[in-house]
Amino acid sequence: MAALELAEQITKRIEEGNIEEVKKVLSSVHPSEIAALLQSLHPEERNKVLNTLDTETISKLILELEKEQRREILAALDHEKIAKIVEEMDSDDATDLISELPEDIARIVLGKLTPEEVKDVETLLKYPEDTAGGIMQTELVQVTYDSTVRDAINWIRLIADEVEDIYEIYVTDENDRLLGTVSLKKLILANPMTKVGDIMEPVSVTVTPNVDQEEVANIFKKYDIVSLPVVSEDGRLLGRITADDVIDVITEEASEDMYLFAGMQEYLHPIYTPIITKVKRRTPWLLLTLLGELFIAFVIVHAFKKTLEEVVILAAFMPAIMATGGNVGLQTTTIVVRSLGMQTIRTSQFMQLIIAEIKEGFILGIICGLVAAVIATLINMNEPSVIRLSIAIFVAMVSATIATSFIGVVEPIVLHKLNFDPAAASGPFLTMFNDIFGSIVYLFIAMLIF
């Protein structure tokens, strides 16, 4: 069923007060579709839908919701309910959920879990959420190298309910150091009395817990794997990361980069997020860019007022110069941020990248500058100062594209070097810089030649 159709159907049933029908409809809907539905509903409607769902379904969908909505849902649930939801989750998901709870509530929820569940969660809470340790799960199939195939299969049967997806079996020594892996297919086809160590394959790649989650995603892509073992510095097996976790990481990183580019930090529902919250989140960047634009106005009034009064036509071409420079800079930043994220450029290539982007900005500036100058000449052919106007436009356009190309490539590189997210080289900042630089250079050149 299409998401919009489902939302309309559920909303109608809620308005009619037919909660039993809501429960019936949702019983055949996948948790991911229910998550999408919940994000489109008013908080009151959302709570009514949640009351119709069982604990297992809620445990599968709650982490697919945006943080703001997740906080609201958790605040409305009692501690017993939250504990039951956590019990249904894999260790990595349980840790993510508990880390979002207020400290006092987290302690209460942990007190309702089994000692083994508490140990798993507390182990994972030690790692930052955006690292391999933060997204790994401790549920896996581990056997020692001297186990027989029969022993391994019996062990899988015993713990099958605890391990949701079994892609491969991890083979370790008596000290939990990872030695290799065995695929489920190979294990099933092997002689029952064969030692697991005799049929294991060497591990192609591992990560330590502090590796960044974006690097983990790149490893999955590079090696085309479905699970990745996480080991300690001395090679002890700590957990595994699965493909579904990596998909979540890729989605999260892409969304985060989009918000940072827009000068925001996280998703806010356009309708149901309180307007004060939305205003508070969006105001800082807007005020910063406003101050930058006001600075331009101040400079223009005090330094170029006479020039503009004498040659009014200059003002008509300022938006074209600022917009073109801004677009070139934004394109450059997008290319660099994406290249850094995909690791297609090395640290040693940074200077080559800077030079290449500046050259490209120079060529783009010449092309756009010539087009703008020709159009300005045609529009103002009868003006005695048309040649000087065209020269000012051309030089300003080239200068603006070179400058924004330079800032667009250097800023994300500097942020990357300082271990910040390069995507923080956001559109609002780049736009502000371009407007300041482009307009001042344009009017300064005009002042010199008019």
Protein backbone atom coordinates (compact mmCIF):
# COMPACT_ATOMS: atom_id res chain seq x y z
CA MET A 1 0.00 0.00 0.00
CA ALA A 2 1.34 3.47 -0.92
CA ALA A 3 2.45 5.60 2.04
CA LEU A 4 0.03 8.45 1.31
CA GLU A 5 -2.88 6.08 0.80
CA LEU A 6 -2.08 4.33 4.09
CA ALA A 7 -1.83 7.65 5.95
CA GLU A 8 -5.20 8.82 4.61
CA GLN A 9 -6.83 5.51 5.49
CA ILE A 10 -5.45 5.46 9.05
CA THR A 11 -6.27 9.13 9.65
CA LYS A 12 -9.85 8.53 8.52
CA ARG A 13 -10.21 5.51 10.86
CA ILE A 14 -8.83 7.52 13.79
CA GLU A 15 -11.26 10.38 13.13
CA GLU A 16 -14.08 7.83 13.10
CA GLY A 17 -12.83 6.42 16.40
CA ASN A 18 -12.44 3.00 14.80
CA ILE A 19 -9.20 1.95 16.55
CA GLU A 20 -9.85 -1.76 16.03
CA GLU A 21 -9.87 -1.19 12.27
CA VAL A 22 -6.57 0.70 12.59
CA LYS A 23 -5.09 -2.31 14.40
CA LYS A 24 -6.40 -4.67 11.73
CA VAL A 25 -4.99 -2.62 8.84
CA LEU A 26 -1.55 -2.24 10.45
CA SER A 27 -1.26 -5.95 11.30
CA SER A 28 -0.37 -6.65 7.66
CA VAL A 29 1.90 -3.61 7.16
CA HIS A 30 5.71 -3.83 7.40
CA PRO A 31 7.28 -1.94 10.35
CA SER A 32 9.25 0.34 8.00
CA GLU A 33 5.99 1.44 6.35
CA ILE A 34 4.44 2.04 9.77
CA ALA A 35 7.48 4.18 10.65
CA ALA A 36 6.91 6.30 7.52
CA LEU A 37 3.23 6.56 8.48
CA LEU A 38 4.01 7.74 12.03
CA GLN A 39 6.24 10.52 10.69
CA SER A 40 3.33 11.94 8.69
CA LEU A 41 0.84 11.96 11.58
CA HIS A 42 0.00 14.57 14.20
CA PRO A 43 1.48 13.62 17.63
CA GLU A 44 -1.98 12.76 19.02
CA GLU A 45 -2.76 10.50 16.05
CA ARG A 46 0.70 8.98 16.34
CA ASN A 47 0.13 8.02 19.98
CA LYS A 48 -3.19 6.37 19.12
CA VAL A 49 -1.48 4.31 16.41
CA LEU A 50 1.33 3.32 18.79
CA ASN A 51 -1.20 2.04 21.30
CA THR A 52 -2.39 -0.49 18.71
CA LEU A 53 1.10 -1.92 18.07
CA ASP A 54 2.81 -4.75 19.91
CA THR A 55 6.22 -4.36 21.51
CA GLU A 56 8.07 -6.30 18.81
CA THR A 57 6.72 -4.06 16.04
CA ILE A 58 7.61 -0.88 17.95
CA SER A 59 11.14 -2.20 18.52
CA LYS A 60 11.59 -2.64 14.76
CA LEU A 61 10.34 0.78 13.75
CA ILE A 62 11.30 3.21 16.50
CA LEU A 63 14.88 3.75 15.32
CA GLU A 64 13.63 4.53 11.82
CA LEU A 65 11.89 7.64 13.13
CA GLU A 66 13.57 11.04 13.30
CA LYS A 67 15.18 11.86 16.65
CA GLU A 68 12.66 14.55 17.56
CA GLN A 69 9.72 12.18 17.09
CA ARG A 70 11.55 9.36 18.86
CA ARG A 71 12.09 11.58 21.91
CA GLU A 72 8.40 12.47 22.00
CA ILE A 73 7.37 8.80 21.80
CA LEU A 74 9.81 7.69 24.50
CA ALA A 75 8.63 10.50 26.78
CA ALA A 76 5.06 9.18 26.47
CA LEU A 77 5.96 5.55 27.29
CA ASP A 78 6.31 4.10 30.78
CA HIS A 79 9.61 2.55 31.90
CA GLU A 80 8.26 -1.00 31.73
CA LYS A 81 7.22 -0.54 28.09
CA ILE A 82 10.59 0.93 27.12
CA ALA A 83 12.39 -1.99 28.80
CA LYS A 84 10.28 -4.50 26.85
CA ILE A 85 11.07 -2.66 23.59
CA VAL A 86 14.80 -2.75 24.41
CA GLU A 87 14.64 -6.49 25.14
CA GLU A 88 13.34 -7.11 21.61
CA MET A 89 16.24 -5.27 20.01
CA ASP A 90 19.73 -6.29 18.94
CA SER A 91 22.43 -4.95 21.24
CA ASP A 92 23.46 -2.14 18.88
CA ASP A 93 19.90 -0.86 18.47
CA ALA A 94 19.20 -1.22 22.19
CA THR A 95 22.30 0.84 22.96
CA ASP A 96 21.26 3.57 20.50
CA LEU A 97 17.83 3.81 22.11
CA ILE A 98 19.08 3.85 25.71
CA SER A 99 21.71 6.49 24.85
CA GLU A 100 18.87 8.84 23.87
CA LEU A 101 17.07 8.49 27.19
CA PRO A 102 17.60 10.91 30.07
CA GLU A 103 20.23 9.49 32.44
CA ASP A 104 17.82 8.77 35.29
CA ILE A 105 15.35 6.95 33.01
CA ALA A 106 18.18 5.02 31.32
CA ARG A 107 19.28 3.70 34.72
CA ILE A 108 15.71 2.57 35.52
CA VAL A 109 15.36 0.81 32.15
CA LEU A 110 18.74 -0.91 32.53
CA GLY A 111 17.61 -2.14 35.95
CA LYS A 112 14.75 -4.02 34.27
CA LEU A 113 17.02 -5.91 31.83
CA THR A 114 18.89 -9.18 32.36
CA PRO A 115 22.54 -8.97 33.54
CA GLU A 116 23.72 -10.19 30.13
CA GLU A 117 21.71 -7.51 28.29
CA VAL A 118 23.01 -4.83 30.65
CA LYS A 119 26.60 -5.98 30.05
CA ASP A 120 26.16 -5.80 26.26
CA VAL A 121 24.62 -2.33 26.39
CA GLU A 122 27.17 -0.92 28.84
CA THR A 123 30.00 -2.30 26.68
CA LEU A 124 28.66 -0.58 23.56
CA LEU A 125 27.87 2.68 25.37
CA LYS A 126 31.61 3.19 25.84
CA TYR A 127 32.03 3.85 22.12
CA PRO A 128 31.00 7.06 20.31
CA GLU A 129 27.79 6.50 18.31
CA ASP A 130 29.41 7.41 14.97
CA THR A 131 32.18 4.78 15.22
CA ALA A 132 32.40 1.07 14.40
CA GLY A 133 31.97 0.30 18.11
CA GLY A 134 28.86 2.46 18.21
CA ILE A 135 27.11 0.62 15.37
CA MET A 136 28.32 -2.94 16.00
CA GLN A 137 26.24 -5.65 17.66
CA THR A 138 27.53 -8.32 20.02
CA GLU A 139 25.09 -10.98 18.78
CA LEU A 140 27.04 -13.33 16.48
CA VAL A 141 28.03 -16.97 16.04
CA GLN A 142 31.49 -17.66 17.44
CA VAL A 143 33.19 -21.07 17.71
CA THR A 144 36.75 -22.13 18.50
CA TYR A 145 39.00 -23.50 15.77
CA ASP A 146 39.12 -26.98 17.36
CA SER A 147 35.30 -27.38 17.36
CA THR A 148 33.82 -29.93 14.98
CA VAL A 149 31.32 -28.98 12.31
CA ARG A 150 28.66 -30.90 14.25
CA ASP A 151 29.42 -28.90 17.41
CA ALA A 152 29.21 -25.65 15.45
CA ILE A 153 25.83 -26.52 13.92
CA ASN A 154 24.45 -27.55 17.32
CA TRP A 155 25.68 -24.25 18.75
CA ILE A 156 23.92 -22.33 15.97
CA ARG A 157 20.67 -24.15 16.75
CA LEU A 158 21.07 -23.27 20.42
CA ILE A 159 21.55 -19.52 19.94
CA ALA A 160 19.51 -19.02 16.74
CA ASP A 161 16.84 -16.99 18.56
CA GLU A 162 19.45 -14.52 19.85
CA VAL A 163 21.25 -13.92 16.53
CA GLU A 164 18.85 -12.39 14.03
CA ASP A 165 20.85 -12.87 10.82
CA ILE A 166 23.61 -15.45 10.42
CA TYR A 167 25.86 -14.67 7.46
CA GLU A 168 29.03 -16.40 8.60
CA ILE A 169 30.56 -18.11 11.62
CA TYR A 170 33.54 -16.46 13.31
CA VAL A 171 36.37 -18.81 14.28
CA THR A 172 38.54 -17.84 17.26
CA ASP A 173 41.21 -19.30 19.51
CA GLU A 174 40.69 -19.96 23.22
CA ASN A 175 41.45 -16.28 23.95
CA ASP A 176 38.74 -14.99 21.55
CA ARG A 177 41.30 -13.83 18.98
CA LEU A 178 39.76 -13.94 15.51
CA LEU A 179 41.39 -16.52 13.23
CA GLY A 180 38.98 -16.80 10.30
CA THR A 181 35.39 -17.28 9.14
CA VAL A 182 33.25 -20.07 7.72
CA SER A 183 30.21 -19.46 5.55
CA LEU A 184 26.96 -21.09 6.59
CA LYS A 185 26.82 -22.97 3.27
CA LYS A 186 30.31 -24.38 3.70
CA LEU A 187 29.52 -25.45 7.25
CA ILE A 188 26.34 -27.32 6.23
CA LEU A 189 28.09 -29.14 3.36
CA ALA A 190 31.16 -30.16 5.39
CA ASN A 191 31.73 -33.53 7.08
CA PRO A 192 30.23 -33.32 10.62
CA MET A 193 33.46 -34.55 12.21
CA THR A 194 35.72 -32.07 10.39
CA LYS A 195 37.41 -29.46 12.55
CA VAL A 196 36.11 -25.95 11.87
CA GLY A 197 39.70 -24.69 11.76
CA ASP A 198 40.36 -26.94 8.73
CA ILE A 199 37.62 -25.34 6.58
CA MET A 200 37.80 -21.71 7.71
CA GLU A 201 38.82 -18.90 5.38
CA PRO A 202 41.17 -16.07 6.39
CA VAL A 203 39.42 -12.82 7.33
CA SER A 204 39.55 -10.36 4.43
CA VAL A 205 39.15 -7.22 6.53
CA THR A 206 38.46 -6.16 10.12
CA VAL A 207 38.03 -2.86 11.93
CA THR A 208 38.74 -1.65 15.44
CA PRO A 209 35.94 -0.01 17.49
CA ASN A 210 37.15 3.57 17.01
CA VAL A 211 37.04 3.57 13.20
CA ASP A 212 34.60 6.20 11.88
CA GLN A 213 31.27 4.85 10.63
CA GLU A 214 31.75 6.54 7.25
CA GLU A 215 34.98 4.59 6.76
CA VAL A 216 33.08 1.43 7.72
CA ALA A 217 30.55 2.15 4.96
CA ASN A 218 33.39 2.59 2.46
CA ILE A 219 34.86 -0.78 3.51
CA PHE A 220 31.52 -2.51 2.85
CA LYS A 221 31.40 -0.95 -0.58
CA LYS A 222 35.04 -1.71 -1.42
CA TYR A 223 35.00 -5.37 -0.31
CA ASP A 224 31.35 -6.08 -1.24
CA ILE A 225 30.65 -7.80 2.10
CA VAL A 226 27.49 -8.34 4.15
CA SER A 227 29.09 -8.34 7.60
CA LEU A 228 32.30 -7.00 9.12
CA PRO A 229 34.00 -8.22 12.31
CA VAL A 230 35.06 -5.65 14.91
CA VAL A 231 38.19 -6.58 16.85
CA SER A 232 40.27 -5.07 19.64
CA GLU A 233 43.83 -3.84 19.14
CA ASP A 234 45.12 -7.32 20.07
CA GLY A 235 42.73 -9.06 17.66
CA ARG A 236 40.01 -10.23 20.06
CA LEU A 237 36.56 -10.49 18.52
CA LEU A 238 34.24 -7.83 19.98
CA GLY A 239 31.24 -7.84 17.65
CA ARG A 240 30.11 -7.46 14.06
CA ILE A 241 28.57 -4.84 11.81
CA THR A 242 25.90 -5.96 9.36
CA ALA A 243 24.83 -4.58 6.00
CA ASP A 244 21.53 -3.20 7.33
CA ASP A 245 23.46 -1.11 9.87
CA VAL A 246 25.63 0.28 7.08
CA ILE A 247 22.60 1.23 4.99
CA ASP A 248 21.37 3.22 7.98
CA VAL A 249 24.81 4.87 8.23
CA ILE A 250 24.81 5.86 4.55
CA THR A 251 21.32 7.35 4.86
CA GLU A 252 22.27 9.16 8.06
CA GLU A 253 25.49 10.59 6.59
CA ALA A 254 23.74 11.75 3.42
CA SER A 255 20.97 13.45 5.41
CA GLU A 256 23.48 15.02 7.77
CA ASP A 257 25.47 16.45 4.84
CA MET A 258 22.30 17.90 3.30
CA TYR A 259 21.32 19.61 6.55
CA LEU A 260 24.83 20.96 7.11
CA PHE A 261 24.91 22.34 3.57
CA ALA A 262 21.72 24.22 4.37
CA GLY A 263 23.15 25.49 7.67
CA MET A 264 20.98 23.13 9.75
CA GLN A 265 21.79 20.21 12.05
CA GLU A 266 18.90 17.76 11.88
CA TYR A 267 15.54 16.99 10.31
CA LEU A 268 12.57 18.97 11.61
CA HIS A 269 9.07 17.99 10.56
CA PRO A 270 7.70 20.91 8.49
CA ILE A 271 4.23 20.71 10.10
CA TYR A 272 4.37 19.04 13.50
CA THR A 273 7.66 20.36 14.89
CA PRO A 274 6.85 23.34 17.17
CA ILE A 275 7.46 26.58 15.32
CA ILE A 276 9.67 27.94 18.14
CA THR A 277 11.95 24.91 17.81
CA LYS A 278 12.23 25.38 14.04
CA VAL A 279 12.95 29.09 14.39
CA LYS A 280 15.64 28.48 17.04
CA ARG A 281 17.41 25.91 14.88
CA ARG A 282 17.38 28.03 11.73
CA THR A 283 18.06 31.48 13.16
CA PRO A 284 21.87 31.31 13.86
CA TRP A 285 22.96 30.76 10.26
CA LEU A 286 20.41 33.25 8.96
CA LEU A 287 21.62 35.92 11.38
CA LEU A 288 25.22 35.24 10.40
CA THR A 289 24.47 35.63 6.70
CA LEU A 290 22.29 38.68 7.42
CA LEU A 291 25.19 40.37 9.22
CA GLY A 292 27.40 39.55 6.25
CA GLU A 293 24.95 41.08 3.80
CA LEU A 294 24.53 44.14 6.02
CA PHE A 295 28.31 44.50 5.98
CA ILE A 296 28.10 44.60 2.17
CA ALA A 297 25.45 47.32 2.36
CA PHE A 298 27.60 49.32 4.79
CA VAL A 299 30.68 49.08 2.53
CA ILE A 300 28.69 49.97 -0.60
CA VAL A 301 27.07 53.02 1.01
CA HIS A 302 30.33 54.37 2.44
CA ALA A 303 32.83 53.40 -0.27
CA PHE A 304 30.92 53.20 -3.54
CA LYS A 305 27.95 55.54 -3.13
CA LYS A 306 29.38 58.11 -5.53
CA THR A 307 30.22 55.46 -8.16
CA LEU A 308 26.69 54.04 -8.07
CA GLU A 309 25.12 57.49 -8.23
CA GLU A 310 27.16 58.34 -11.32
CA VAL A 311 26.70 54.96 -13.05
CA VAL A 312 23.35 53.60 -11.84
CA ILE A 313 23.43 50.74 -14.37
CA LEU A 314 26.19 49.08 -12.30
CA ALA A 315 23.64 47.98 -9.70
CA ALA A 316 21.66 45.99 -12.28
CA PHE A 317 24.48 43.48 -12.82
CA MET A 318 25.48 42.88 -9.20
CA PRO A 319 23.02 39.98 -8.67
CA ALA A 320 24.36 38.18 -11.77
CA ILE A 321 27.95 38.35 -10.51
CA MET A 322 27.07 37.25 -6.98
CA ALA A 323 24.80 34.41 -8.12
CA THR A 324 27.29 33.02 -10.65
CA GLY A 325 30.17 33.13 -8.17
CA GLY A 326 28.00 31.48 -5.51
CA ASN A 327 26.93 28.68 -7.83
CA VAL A 328 30.52 27.95 -8.89
CA GLY A 329 31.63 27.86 -5.25
CA LEU A 330 28.77 25.59 -4.23
CA GLN A 331 29.52 23.19 -7.10
CA THR A 332 33.18 23.09 -6.04
CA THR A 333 32.33 22.44 -2.39
CA THR A 334 29.90 19.66 -3.32
CA ILE A 335 32.52 17.93 -5.50
CA VAL A 336 35.22 18.18 -2.80
CA VAL A 337 32.97 17.04 0.07
CA ARG A 338 31.79 14.07 -1.98
CA SER A 339 35.37 13.15 -2.95
CA LEU A 340 36.50 13.30 0.68
CA GLY A 341 33.53 11.17 1.74
CA MET A 342 34.21 8.53 -0.93
CA GLN A 343 37.97 8.71 -0.26
CA THR A 344 38.74 9.19 -3.96
CA ILE A 345 41.40 11.80 -3.18
CA ARG A 346 44.45 11.37 -0.93
CA THR A 347 45.95 13.90 1.47
CA SER A 348 48.99 14.19 -0.80
CA GLN A 349 46.70 15.30 -3.66
CA PHE A 350 45.16 18.28 -1.84
CA MET A 351 47.40 20.86 -3.53
CA GLN A 352 46.68 19.34 -6.97
CA LEU A 353 42.96 19.51 -6.16
CA ILE A 354 43.17 23.18 -5.12
CA ILE A 355 45.07 24.13 -8.29
CA ALA A 356 42.69 22.13 -10.50
CA GLU A 357 39.58 23.75 -9.01
CA ILE A 358 41.06 27.25 -9.26
CA LYS A 359 41.88 26.61 -12.94
CA GLU A 360 38.34 25.38 -13.50
CA GLY A 361 36.93 28.43 -11.70
CA PHE A 362 39.10 30.70 -13.89
CA ILE A 363 37.83 29.09 -17.12
CA LEU A 364 34.21 29.16 -15.93
CA GLY A 365 34.68 32.81 -14.97
CA ILE A 366 35.96 33.67 -18.44
CA ILE A 367 33.03 31.91 -20.12
CA CYS A 368 30.37 33.45 -17.85
CA GLY A 369 32.15 36.82 -17.85
CA LEU A 370 32.24 37.00 -21.64
CA VAL A 371 28.57 36.06 -21.90
CA ALA A 372 27.61 38.66 -19.28
CA ALA A 373 29.81 41.34 -20.88
CA VAL A 374 28.36 40.74 -24.35
CA ILE A 375 24.79 40.87 -23.03
CA ALA A 376 25.57 44.04 -21.06
CA THR A 377 27.00 45.60 -24.23
CA LEU A 378 23.94 44.70 -26.30
CA ILE A 379 21.53 46.00 -23.64
CA ASN A 380 23.39 49.29 -23.16
CA MET A 381 24.74 49.83 -26.66
CA ASN A 382 23.80 53.52 -26.67
CA GLU A 383 25.53 54.24 -23.36
CA PRO A 384 28.89 56.01 -23.76
CA SER A 385 30.36 54.01 -20.86
CA VAL A 386 29.23 50.58 -22.13
CA ILE A 387 32.78 49.29 -22.79
CA ARG A 388 33.95 50.18 -19.29
CA LEU A 389 30.80 48.59 -17.83
CA SER A 390 31.45 45.38 -19.76
CA ILE A 391 35.09 45.30 -18.61
CA ALA A 392 34.02 45.75 -14.98
CA ILE A 393 31.48 42.93 -15.28
CA PHE A 394 34.00 40.59 -16.96
CA VAL A 395 36.82 41.18 -14.47
CA ALA A 396 34.46 40.93 -11.47
CA MET A 397 32.94 37.69 -12.78
CA VAL A 398 36.34 36.05 -13.26
CA SER A 399 37.55 37.27 -9.86
CA ALA A 400 34.40 36.02 -8.11
CA THR A 401 34.54 32.53 -9.65
CA ILE A 402 38.26 32.15 -8.83
CA ALA A 403 37.74 33.30 -5.24
CA THR A 404 34.70 31.09 -4.56
CA SER A 405 36.43 28.12 -6.20
CA PHE A 406 39.36 28.63 -3.86
CA ILE A 407 37.16 28.94 -0.75
CA GLY A 408 34.94 26.09 -1.97
CA VAL A 409 37.88 23.69 -2.14
CA VAL A 410 40.01 24.92 0.78
CA GLU A 411 37.29 25.16 3.44
CA PRO A 412 36.21 21.46 3.35
CA ILE A 413 39.87 20.36 3.17
CA VAL A 414 40.73 22.41 6.28
CA LEU A 415 37.69 21.02 8.13
CA HIS A 416 38.73 17.49 7.10
CA LYS A 417 42.26 18.11 8.40
CA LEU A 418 40.83 19.33 11.71
CA ASN A 419 38.65 16.17 11.94
CA PHE A 420 35.39 18.08 11.43
CA ASP A 421 32.71 17.07 8.94
CA PRO A 422 33.67 18.72 5.59
CA ALA A 423 29.95 19.18 4.86
CA ALA A 424 29.97 21.92 7.50
CA ALA A 425 31.41 24.05 4.67
CA SER A 426 27.82 25.06 4.21
CA GLY A 427 25.96 26.92 1.49
CA PRO A 428 25.02 29.92 3.69
CA PHE A 429 28.66 30.68 4.57
CA LEU A 430 29.83 30.29 0.98
CA THR A 431 26.99 32.50 -0.29
CA MET A 432 27.83 35.19 2.25
CA PHE A 433 31.52 35.16 1.34
CA ASN A 434 30.76 35.32 -2.37
CA ASP A 435 28.32 38.21 -1.99
CA ILE A 436 30.84 40.21 0.03
CA PHE A 437 33.79 39.49 -2.26
CA GLY A 438 31.92 39.67 -5.58
CA SER A 439 30.15 42.97 -4.94
CA ILE A 440 33.20 44.71 -3.46
CA VAL A 441 35.52 43.62 -6.30
CA TYR A 442 32.93 44.59 -8.92
CA LEU A 443 32.36 48.05 -7.50
CA PHE A 444 36.06 48.62 -6.79
CA ILE A 445 36.94 47.86 -10.42
CA ALA A 446 34.09 50.09 -11.57
CA MET A 447 35.34 52.90 -9.33
CA LEU A 448 38.81 52.65 -10.91
CA ILE A 449 37.70 52.70 -14.54
CA PHE A 450 34.72 55.09 -14.43
